[in-house]
Structures are given as structure tokens and as C-alpha cells.
Amino acid sequence: MPDYIVDVSDEFFSQYDDQPKDIKKKFRKQLKLLKSNPKHKSLQIHRIEGTNFWEFYVDMGYRCIFKQEGSIYKLYYIGTHKLIDRI
């Protein structure tokens, strides 16, 4: 299965830095899955209703929000599920 390309927006880095250590570890695990198999069940990827953004689960309380263009996933936000309300 081909690897997918992950790009990161400028604002993503500061949000990532603000996350708890355990969330960063979970995110890195999920990021590996995204790059190798974006259809993996634990990612639970789906479009955020009414937007052109998508999300994947970091865990039950945290999400990563991205846009997809072909095989490129551009990450924009990481944070609690409340993050989706801002989109």
C-alpha cells in the first residue's frame, strides 16, 4: 500500500506543542496509520458536516482536523473534540 503525504499548516505546530505528552504519543501513532493506511478503523476518518475539512481520532476526546487533496493530507488543527465546534 502506498504511503500518503502529510503536510502541516503553520498554526498546527503551536497547537501540537500545547498538547499533553500522552496525546502527542497517541497522535504520532495515528499519524503513522494515516500515512500508511488512512482507512484504518481506529482513525475513524470522516468529513466534518458542512465544511471541506475532515477529522481523524487521536483518541476518544482528541481530534486532528485536516484537508485532503488526492494523496496529500494537510493538517490544520489538533485538540479536544470541542475544536470541531470552531470549524
PDB file of N, CA and C in Angstrom:
ATOM      1  N   MET A   1       0.853  -1.179   0.000  1.00  0.00           N
ATOM      2  CA  MET A   1       0.000   0.000   0.000  1.00  0.00           C
ATOM      3  C   MET A   1       0.898   1.242   0.000  1.00  0.00           C
ATOM      4  N   PRO A   2       0.617   2.234  -0.836  1.00  0.00           N
ATOM      5  CA  PRO A   2       1.482   3.415  -0.930  1.00  0.00           C
ATOM      6  C   PRO A   2       1.365   4.308   0.296  1.00  0.00           C
ATOM      7  N   ASP A   3       2.459   4.994   0.592  1.00  0.00           N
ATOM      8  CA  ASP A   3       2.415   5.988   1.661  1.00  0.00           C
ATOM      9  C   ASP A   3       1.754   7.252   1.136  1.00  0.00           C
ATOM     10  N   TYR A   4       1.039   7.891   2.015  1.00  0.00           N
ATOM     11  CA  TYR A   4       0.406   9.149   1.692  1.00  0.00           C
ATOM     12  C   TYR A   4       1.293  10.267   2.231  1.00  0.00           C
ATOM     13  N   ILE A   5       1.154  11.454   1.684  1.00  0.00           N
ATOM     14  CA  ILE A   5       1.975  12.592   2.078  1.00  0.00           C
ATOM     15  C   ILE A   5       1.217  13.416   3.106  1.00  0.00           C
ATOM     16  N   VAL A   6       1.926  13.794   4.170  1.00  0.00           N
ATOM     17  CA  VAL A   6       1.332  14.640   5.197  1.00  0.00           C
ATOM     18  C   VAL A   6       2.037  15.983   5.170  1.00  0.00           C
ATOM     19  N   ASP A   7       1.257  17.033   5.058  1.00  0.00           N
ATOM     20  CA  ASP A   7       1.740  18.416   5.100  1.00  0.00           C
ATOM     21  C   ASP A   7       1.134  19.040   6.352  1.00  0.00           C
ATOM     22  N   VAL A   8       1.792  20.035   6.898  1.00  0.00           N
ATOM     23  CA  VAL A   8       1.328  20.635   8.144  1.00  0.00           C
ATOM     24  C   VAL A   8       1.243  22.147   7.980  1.00  0.00           C
ATOM     25  N   SER A   9       0.118  22.725   8.383  1.00  0.00           N
ATOM     26  CA  SER A   9      -0.044  24.176   8.333  1.00  0.00           C
ATOM     27  C   SER A   9       0.797  24.818   9.436  1.00  0.00           C
ATOM     28  N   ASP A  10       1.113  26.081   9.270  1.00  0.00           N
ATOM     29  CA  ASP A  10       1.930  26.797  10.253  1.00  0.00           C
ATOM     30  C   ASP A  10       1.300  26.788  11.645  1.00  0.00           C
ATOM     31  N   GLU A  11      -0.008  26.977  11.713  1.00  0.00           N
ATOM     32  CA  GLU A  11      -0.682  27.051  13.010  1.00  0.00           C
ATOM     33  C   GLU A  11      -0.728  25.703  13.737  1.00  0.00           C
ATOM     34  N   PHE A  12      -0.511  24.613  13.022  1.00  0.00           N
ATOM     35  CA  PHE A  12      -0.589  23.295  13.635  1.00  0.00           C
ATOM     36  C   PHE A  12       0.496  23.087  14.693  1.00  0.00           C
ATOM     37  N   PHE A  13       1.701  23.535  14.426  1.00  0.00           N
ATOM     38  CA  PHE A  13       2.825  23.267  15.325  1.00  0.00           C
ATOM     39  C   PHE A  13       2.605  23.793  16.735  1.00  0.00           C
ATOM     40  N   SER A  14       2.112  25.022  16.865  1.00  0.00           N
ATOM     41  CA  SER A  14       1.907  25.576  18.205  1.00  0.00           C
ATOM     42  C   SER A  14       0.802  24.817  18.940  1.00  0.00           C
ATOM     43  N   GLN A  15      -0.208  24.378  18.223  1.00  0.00           N
ATOM     44  CA  GLN A  15      -1.278  23.594  18.848  1.00  0.00           C
ATOM     45  C   GLN A  15      -0.738  22.247  19.322  1.00  0.00           C
ATOM     46  N   TYR A  16       0.066  21.607  18.489  1.00  0.00           N
ATOM     47  CA  TYR A  16       0.656  20.325  18.854  1.00  0.00           C
ATOM     48  C   TYR A  16       1.517  20.478  20.111  1.00  0.00           C
ATOM     49  N   ASP A  17       2.325  21.528  20.152  1.00  0.00           N
ATOM     50  CA  ASP A  17       3.203  21.761  21.299  1.00  0.00           C
ATOM     51  C   ASP A  17       2.416  21.925  22.599  1.00  0.00           C
ATOM     52  N   ASP A  18       1.189  22.416  22.514  1.00  0.00           N
ATOM     53  CA  ASP A  18       0.355  22.650  23.697  1.00  0.00           C
ATOM     54  C   ASP A  18      -0.353  21.391  24.212  1.00  0.00           C
ATOM     55  N   GLN A  19      -0.259  20.291  23.487  1.00  0.00           N
ATOM     56  CA  GLN A  19      -0.990  19.085  23.875  1.00  0.00           C
ATOM     57  C   GLN A  19      -0.246  18.312  24.970  1.00  0.00           C
ATOM     58  N   PRO A  20      -1.002  17.569  25.797  1.00  0.00           N
ATOM     59  CA  PRO A  20      -0.359  16.731  26.815  1.00  0.00           C
ATOM     60  C   PRO A  20       0.544  15.678  26.173  1.00  0.00           C
ATOM     61  N   LYS A  21       1.543  15.248  26.921  1.00  0.00           N
ATOM     62  CA  LYS A  21       2.532  14.279  26.422  1.00  0.00           C
ATOM     63  C   LYS A  21       1.875  12.999  25.900  1.00  0.00           C
ATOM     64  N   ASP A  22       0.867  12.483  26.624  1.00  0.00           N
ATOM     65  CA  ASP A  22       0.229  11.237  26.185  1.00  0.00           C
ATOM     66  C   ASP A  22      -0.536  11.430  24.879  1.00  0.00           C
ATOM     67  N   ILE A  23      -1.104  12.615  24.655  1.00  0.00           N
ATOM     68  CA  ILE A  23      -1.819  12.896  23.408  1.00  0.00           C
ATOM     69  C   ILE A  23      -0.831  12.988  22.248  1.00  0.00           C
ATOM     70  N   LYS A  24       0.321  13.584  22.488  1.00  0.00           N
ATOM     71  CA  LYS A  24       1.346  13.646  21.442  1.00  0.00           C
ATOM     72  C   LYS A  24       1.766  12.243  21.020  1.00  0.00           C
ATOM     73  N   LYS A  25       1.927  11.360  21.996  1.00  0.00           N
ATOM     74  CA  LYS A  25       2.312   9.980  21.693  1.00  0.00           C
ATOM     75  C   LYS A  25       1.224   9.282  20.878  1.00  0.00           C
ATOM     76  N   LYS A  26      -0.037   9.440  21.278  1.00  0.00           N
ATOM     77  CA  LYS A  26      -1.150   8.839  20.538  1.00  0.00           C
ATOM     78  C   LYS A  26      -1.239   9.425  19.132  1.00  0.00           C
ATOM     79  N   PHE A  27      -1.024  10.746  19.023  1.00  0.00           N
ATOM     80  CA  PHE A  27      -1.072  11.396  17.716  1.00  0.00           C
ATOM     81  C   PHE A  27      -0.022  10.800  16.781  1.00  0.00           C
ATOM     82  N   ARG A  28       1.196  10.620  17.268  1.00  0.00           N
ATOM     83  CA  ARG A  28       2.252  10.062  16.417  1.00  0.00           C
ATOM     84  C   ARG A  28       1.882   8.661  15.926  1.00  0.00           C
ATOM     85  N   LYS A  29       1.246   7.870  16.774  1.00  0.00           N
ATOM     86  CA  LYS A  29       0.799   6.535  16.375  1.00  0.00           C
ATOM     87  C   LYS A  29      -0.258   6.642  15.275  1.00  0.00           C
ATOM     88  N   GLN A  30      -1.222   7.531  15.465  1.00  0.00           N
ATOM     89  CA  GLN A  30      -2.288   7.697  14.478  1.00  0.00           C
ATOM     90  C   GLN A  30      -1.737   8.279  13.171  1.00  0.00           C
ATOM     91  N   LEU A  31      -0.756   9.150  13.266  1.00  0.00           N
ATOM     92  CA  LEU A  31      -0.152   9.739  12.074  1.00  0.00           C
ATOM     93  C   LEU A  31       0.510   8.659  11.216  1.00  0.00           C
ATOM     94  N   LYS A  32       1.163   7.702  11.855  1.00  0.00           N
ATOM     95  CA  LYS A  32       1.759   6.583  11.099  1.00  0.00           C
ATOM     96  C   LYS A  32       0.679   5.811  10.350  1.00  0.00           C
ATOM     97  N   LEU A  33      -0.458   5.606  11.007  1.00  0.00           N
ATOM     98  CA  LEU A  33      -1.572   4.910  10.339  1.00  0.00           C
ATOM     99  C   LEU A  33      -2.097   5.730   9.172  1.00  0.00           C
ATOM    100  N   LEU A  34      -2.251   7.037   9.375  1.00  0.00           N
ATOM    101  CA  LEU A  34      -2.746   7.909   8.309  1.00  0.00           C
ATOM    102  C   LEU A  34      -1.842   7.822   7.084  1.00  0.00           C
ATOM    103  N   LYS A  35      -0.538   7.822   7.301  1.00  0.00           N
ATOM    104  CA  LYS A  35       0.411   7.791   6.194  1.00  0.00           C
ATOM    105  C   LYS A  35       0.428   6.456   5.465  1.00  0.00           C
ATOM    106  N   SER A  36       0.144   5.379   6.178  1.00  0.00           N
ATOM    107  CA  SER A  36       0.235   4.061   5.539  1.00  0.00           C
ATOM    108  C   SER A  36      -1.122   3.468   5.169  1.00  0.00           C
ATOM    109  N   ASN A  37      -2.161   3.771   5.960  1.00  0.00           N
ATOM    110  CA  ASN A  37      -3.475   3.182   5.707  1.00  0.00           C
ATOM    111  C   ASN A  37      -4.579   4.088   6.253  1.00  0.00           C
ATOM    112  N   PRO A  38      -4.947   5.130   5.514  1.00  0.00           N
ATOM    113  CA  PRO A  38      -5.947   6.076   6.015  1.00  0.00           C
ATOM    114  C   PRO A  38      -7.330   5.463   6.245  1.00  0.00           C
ATOM    115  N   LYS A  39      -7.539   4.254   5.793  1.00  0.00           N
ATOM    116  CA  LYS A  39      -8.826   3.601   6.030  1.00  0.00           C
ATOM    117  C   LYS A  39      -8.824   2.754   7.301  1.00  0.00           C
ATOM    118  N   HIS A  40      -7.751   2.815   8.054  1.00  0.00           N
ATOM    119  CA  HIS A  40      -7.664   2.027   9.292  1.00  0.00           C
ATOM    120  C   HIS A  40      -8.802   2.430  10.237  1.00  0.00           C
ATOM    121  N   LYS A  41      -9.439   1.434  10.831  1.00  0.00           N
ATOM    122  CA  LYS A  41     -10.624   1.663  11.667  1.00  0.00           C
ATOM    123  C   LYS A  41     -10.381   2.619  12.827  1.00  0.00           C
ATOM    124  N   SER A  42      -9.218   2.572  13.440  1.00  0.00           N
ATOM    125  CA  SER A  42      -9.005   3.404  14.627  1.00  0.00           C
ATOM    126  C   SER A  42      -8.942   4.892  14.304  1.00  0.00           C
ATOM    127  N   LEU A  43      -8.693   5.250  13.050  1.00  0.00           N
ATOM    128  CA  LEU A  43      -8.674   6.662  12.666  1.00  0.00           C
ATOM    129  C   LEU A  43     -10.083   7.258  12.616  1.00  0.00           C
ATOM    130  N   GLN A  44     -11.039   6.452  12.225  1.00  0.00           N
ATOM    131  CA  GLN A  44     -12.433   6.890  12.104  1.00  0.00           C
ATOM    132  C   GLN A  44     -12.554   8.191  11.296  1.00  0.00           C
ATOM    133  N   ILE A  45     -11.858   8.244  10.181  1.00  0.00           N
ATOM    134  CA  ILE A  45     -11.859   9.445   9.336  1.00  0.00           C
ATOM    135  C   ILE A  45     -13.257   9.717   8.798  1.00  0.00           C
ATOM    136  N   HIS A  46     -13.655  10.973   8.895  1.00  0.00           N
ATOM    137  CA  HIS A  46     -14.915  11.397   8.287  1.00  0.00           C
ATOM    138  C   HIS A  46     -14.912  12.912   8.092  1.00  0.00           C
ATOM    139  N   ARG A  47     -15.739  13.334   7.138  1.00  0.00           N
ATOM    140  CA  ARG A  47     -15.864  14.759   6.824  1.00  0.00           C
ATOM    141  C   ARG A  47     -16.643  15.447   7.937  1.00  0.00           C
ATOM    142  N   ILE A  48     -16.220  16.666   8.254  1.00  0.00           N
ATOM    143  CA  ILE A  48     -16.951  17.466   9.230  1.00  0.00           C
ATOM    144  C   ILE A  48     -18.108  18.119   8.478  1.00  0.00           C
ATOM    145  N   GLU A  49     -19.296  17.803   8.891  1.00  0.00           N
ATOM    146  CA  GLU A  49     -20.506  18.216   8.188  1.00  0.00           C
ATOM    147  C   GLU A  49     -20.518  19.722   7.909  1.00  0.00           C
ATOM    148  N   GLY A  50     -20.848  20.059   6.666  1.00  0.00           N
ATOM    149  CA  GLY A  50     -20.977  21.457   6.258  1.00  0.00           C
ATOM    150  C   GLY A  50     -19.659  22.165   5.982  1.00  0.00           C
ATOM    151  N   THR A  51     -18.547  21.414   5.943  1.00  0.00           N
ATOM    152  CA  THR A  51     -17.234  22.024   5.685  1.00  0.00           C
ATOM    153  C   THR A  51     -16.479  21.187   4.657  1.00  0.00           C
ATOM    154  N   ASN A  52     -15.302  21.681   4.276  1.00  0.00           N
ATOM    155  CA  ASN A  52     -14.430  20.876   3.429  1.00  0.00           C
ATOM    156  C   ASN A  52     -13.269  20.311   4.252  1.00  0.00           C
ATOM    157  N   PHE A  53     -13.450  20.279   5.578  1.00  0.00           N
ATOM    158  CA  PHE A  53     -12.467  19.690   6.484  1.00  0.00           C
ATOM    159  C   PHE A  53     -12.862  18.257   6.828  1.00  0.00           C
ATOM    160  N   TRP A  54     -11.858  17.478   7.166  1.00  0.00           N
ATOM    161  CA  TRP A  54     -12.024  16.105   7.620  1.00  0.00           C
ATOM    162  C   TRP A  54     -11.402  16.000   9.007  1.00  0.00           C
ATOM    163  N   GLU A  55     -11.712  14.928   9.719  1.00  0.00           N
ATOM    164  CA  GLU A  55     -11.079  14.722  11.015  1.00  0.00           C
ATOM    165  C   GLU A  55     -10.717  13.259  11.186  1.00  0.00           C
ATOM    166  N   PHE A  56      -9.697  13.028  12.018  1.00  0.00           N
ATOM    167  CA  PHE A  56      -9.430  11.672  12.482  1.00  0.00           C
ATOM    168  C   PHE A  56      -9.261  11.704  13.988  1.00  0.00           C
ATOM    169  N   TYR A  57      -9.541  10.569  14.595  1.00  0.00           N
ATOM    170  CA  TYR A  57      -9.474  10.450  16.042  1.00  0.00           C
ATOM    171  C   TYR A  57      -8.026  10.254  16.481  1.00  0.00           C
ATOM    172  N   VAL A  58      -7.591  11.070  17.430  1.00  0.00           N
ATOM    173  CA  VAL A  58      -6.337  10.824  18.128  1.00  0.00           C
ATOM    174  C   VAL A  58      -6.645   9.844  19.256  1.00  0.00           C
ATOM    175  N   ASP A  59      -7.731  10.116  19.957  1.00  0.00           N
ATOM    176  CA  ASP A  59      -8.343   9.189  20.912  1.00  0.00           C
ATOM    177  C   ASP A  59      -9.801   9.613  21.061  1.00  0.00           C
ATOM    178  N   MET A  60     -10.497   9.116  22.065  1.00  0.00           N
ATOM    179  CA  MET A  60     -11.928   9.424  22.178  1.00  0.00           C
ATOM    180  C   MET A  60     -12.208  10.911  22.427  1.00  0.00           C
ATOM    181  N   GLY A  61     -11.272  11.642  23.016  1.00  0.00           N
ATOM    182  CA  GLY A  61     -11.503  13.043  23.332  1.00  0.00           C
ATOM    183  C   GLY A  61     -10.767  14.036  22.456  1.00  0.00           C
ATOM    184  N   TYR A  62      -9.805  13.565  21.673  1.00  0.00           N
ATOM    185  CA  TYR A  62      -8.972  14.463  20.868  1.00  0.00           C
ATOM    186  C   TYR A  62      -9.099  14.138  19.384  1.00  0.00           C
ATOM    187  N   ARG A  63      -9.024  15.195  18.574  1.00  0.00           N
ATOM    188  CA  ARG A  63      -9.162  15.052  17.124  1.00  0.00           C
ATOM    189  C   ARG A  63      -8.050  15.815  16.408  1.00  0.00           C
ATOM    190  N   CYS A  64      -7.794  15.399  15.193  1.00  0.00           N
ATOM    191  CA  CYS A  64      -6.930  16.140  14.293  1.00  0.00           C
ATOM    192  C   CYS A  64      -7.767  16.480  13.065  1.00  0.00           C
ATOM    193  N   ILE A  65      -7.740  17.745  12.695  1.00  0.00           N
ATOM    194  CA  ILE A  65      -8.543  18.224  11.570  1.00  0.00           C
ATOM    195  C   ILE A  65      -7.620  18.532  10.396  1.00  0.00           C
ATOM    196  N   PHE A  66      -8.045  18.079   9.222  1.00  0.00           N
ATOM    197  CA  PHE A  66      -7.201  18.197   8.039  1.00  0.00           C
ATOM    198  C   PHE A  66      -8.050  18.388   6.796  1.00  0.00           C
ATOM    199  N   LYS A  67      -7.367  18.697   5.701  1.00  0.00           N
ATOM    200  CA  LYS A  67      -7.978  18.701   4.376  1.00  0.00           C
ATOM    201  C   LYS A  67      -7.220  17.680   3.542  1.00  0.00           C
ATOM    202  N   GLN A  68      -7.942  17.053   2.631  1.00  0.00           N
ATOM    203  CA  GLN A  68      -7.330  16.043   1.767  1.00  0.00           C
ATOM    204  C   GLN A  68      -7.399  16.507   0.320  1.00  0.00           C
ATOM    205  N   GLU A  69      -6.272  16.361  -0.349  1.00  0.00           N
ATOM    206  CA  GLU A  69      -6.216  16.638  -1.782  1.00  0.00           C
ATOM    207  C   GLU A  69      -5.438  15.495  -2.422  1.00  0.00           C
ATOM    208  N   GLY A  70      -6.174  14.554  -2.981  1.00  0.00           N
ATOM    209  CA  GLY A  70      -5.529  13.365  -3.540  1.00  0.00           C
ATOM    210  C   GLY A  70      -4.865  12.570  -2.432  1.00  0.00           C
ATOM    211  N   SER A  71      -3.564  12.323  -2.573  1.00  0.00           N
ATOM    212  CA  SER A  71      -2.840  11.561  -1.561  1.00  0.00           C
ATOM    213  C   SER A  71      -2.141  12.463  -0.537  1.00  0.00           C
ATOM    214  N   ILE A  72      -2.490  13.750  -0.533  1.00  0.00           N
ATOM    215  CA  ILE A  72      -1.889  14.694   0.414  1.00  0.00           C
ATOM    216  C   ILE A  72      -2.902  15.039   1.501  1.00  0.00           C
ATOM    217  N   TYR A  73      -2.464  14.890   2.742  1.00  0.00           N
ATOM    218  CA  TYR A  73      -3.268  15.265   3.903  1.00  0.00           C
ATOM    219  C   TYR A  73      -2.602  16.467   4.565  1.00  0.00           C
ATOM    220  N   LYS A  74      -3.295  17.611   4.592  1.00  0.00           N
ATOM    221  CA  LYS A  74      -2.736  18.804   5.229  1.00  0.00           C
ATOM    222  C   LYS A  74      -3.397  18.987   6.584  1.00  0.00           C
ATOM    223  N   LEU A  75      -2.601  18.906   7.633  1.00  0.00           N
ATOM    224  CA  LEU A  75      -3.095  19.014   8.994  1.00  0.00           C
ATOM    225  C   LEU A  75      -3.220  20.473   9.394  1.00  0.00           C
ATOM    226  N   TYR A  76      -4.373  20.825  10.002  1.00  0.00           N
ATOM    227  CA  TYR A  76      -4.622  22.198  10.409  1.00  0.00           C
ATOM    228  C   TYR A  76      -4.754  22.371  11.918  1.00  0.00           C
ATOM    229  N   TYR A  77      -5.465  21.466  12.567  1.00  0.00           N
ATOM    230  CA  TYR A  77      -5.767  21.639  13.989  1.00  0.00           C
ATOM    231  C   TYR A  77      -5.640  20.323  14.723  1.00  0.00           C
ATOM    232  N   ILE A  78      -5.247  20.415  15.999  1.00  0.00           N
ATOM    233  CA  ILE A  78      -5.280  19.271  16.893  1.00  0.00           C
ATOM    234  C   ILE A  78      -5.759  19.766  18.247  1.00  0.00           C
ATOM    235  N   GLY A  79      -6.666  19.027  18.839  1.00  0.00           N
ATOM    236  CA  GLY A  79      -7.174  19.428  20.146  1.00  0.00           C
ATOM    237  C   GLY A  79      -8.359  18.564  20.544  1.00  0.00           C
ATOM    238  N   THR A  80      -9.052  19.022  21.588  1.00  0.00           N
ATOM    239  CA  THR A  80     -10.203  18.271  22.086  1.00  0.00           C
ATOM    240  C   THR A  80     -11.333  18.295  21.066  1.00  0.00           C
ATOM    241  N   HIS A  81     -12.303  17.455  21.288  1.00  0.00           N
ATOM    242  CA  HIS A  81     -13.449  17.368  20.374  1.00  0.00           C
ATOM    243  C   HIS A  81     -14.142  18.709  20.234  1.00  0.00           C
ATOM    244  N   LYS A  82     -14.056  19.577  21.218  1.00  0.00           N
ATOM    245  CA  LYS A  82     -14.659  20.923  21.141  1.00  0.00           C
ATOM    246  C   LYS A  82     -14.093  21.726  19.977  1.00  0.00           C
ATOM    247  N   LEU A  83     -12.934  21.344  19.519  1.00  0.00           N
ATOM    248  CA  LEU A  83     -12.275  22.003  18.388  1.00  0.00           C
ATOM    249  C   LEU A  83     -13.190  22.038  17.160  1.00  0.00           C
ATOM    250  N   ILE A  84     -13.957  20.999  16.979  1.00  0.00           N
ATOM    251  CA  ILE A  84     -14.827  20.898  15.809  1.00  0.00           C
ATOM    252  C   ILE A  84     -15.875  21.997  15.811  1.00  0.00           C
ATOM    253  N   ASP A  85     -16.305  22.421  16.971  1.00  0.00           N
ATOM    254  CA  ASP A  85     -17.295  23.493  17.067  1.00  0.00           C
ATOM    255  C   ASP A  85     -16.778  24.790  16.481  1.00  0.00           C
ATOM    256  N   ARG A  86     -15.451  24.961  16.448  1.00  0.00           N
ATOM    257  CA  ARG A  86     -14.858  26.193  15.899  1.00  0.00           C
ATOM    258  C   ARG A  86     -14.803  26.186  14.385  1.00  0.00           C
ATOM    259  N   ILE A  87     -14.904  25.017  13.789  1.00  0.00           N
ATOM    260  CA  ILE A  87     -14.747  24.890  12.331  1.00  0.00           C
ATOM    261  C   ILE A  87     -16.016  25.321  11.623  1.00  0.00           C
TER     262      ILE A  87
END
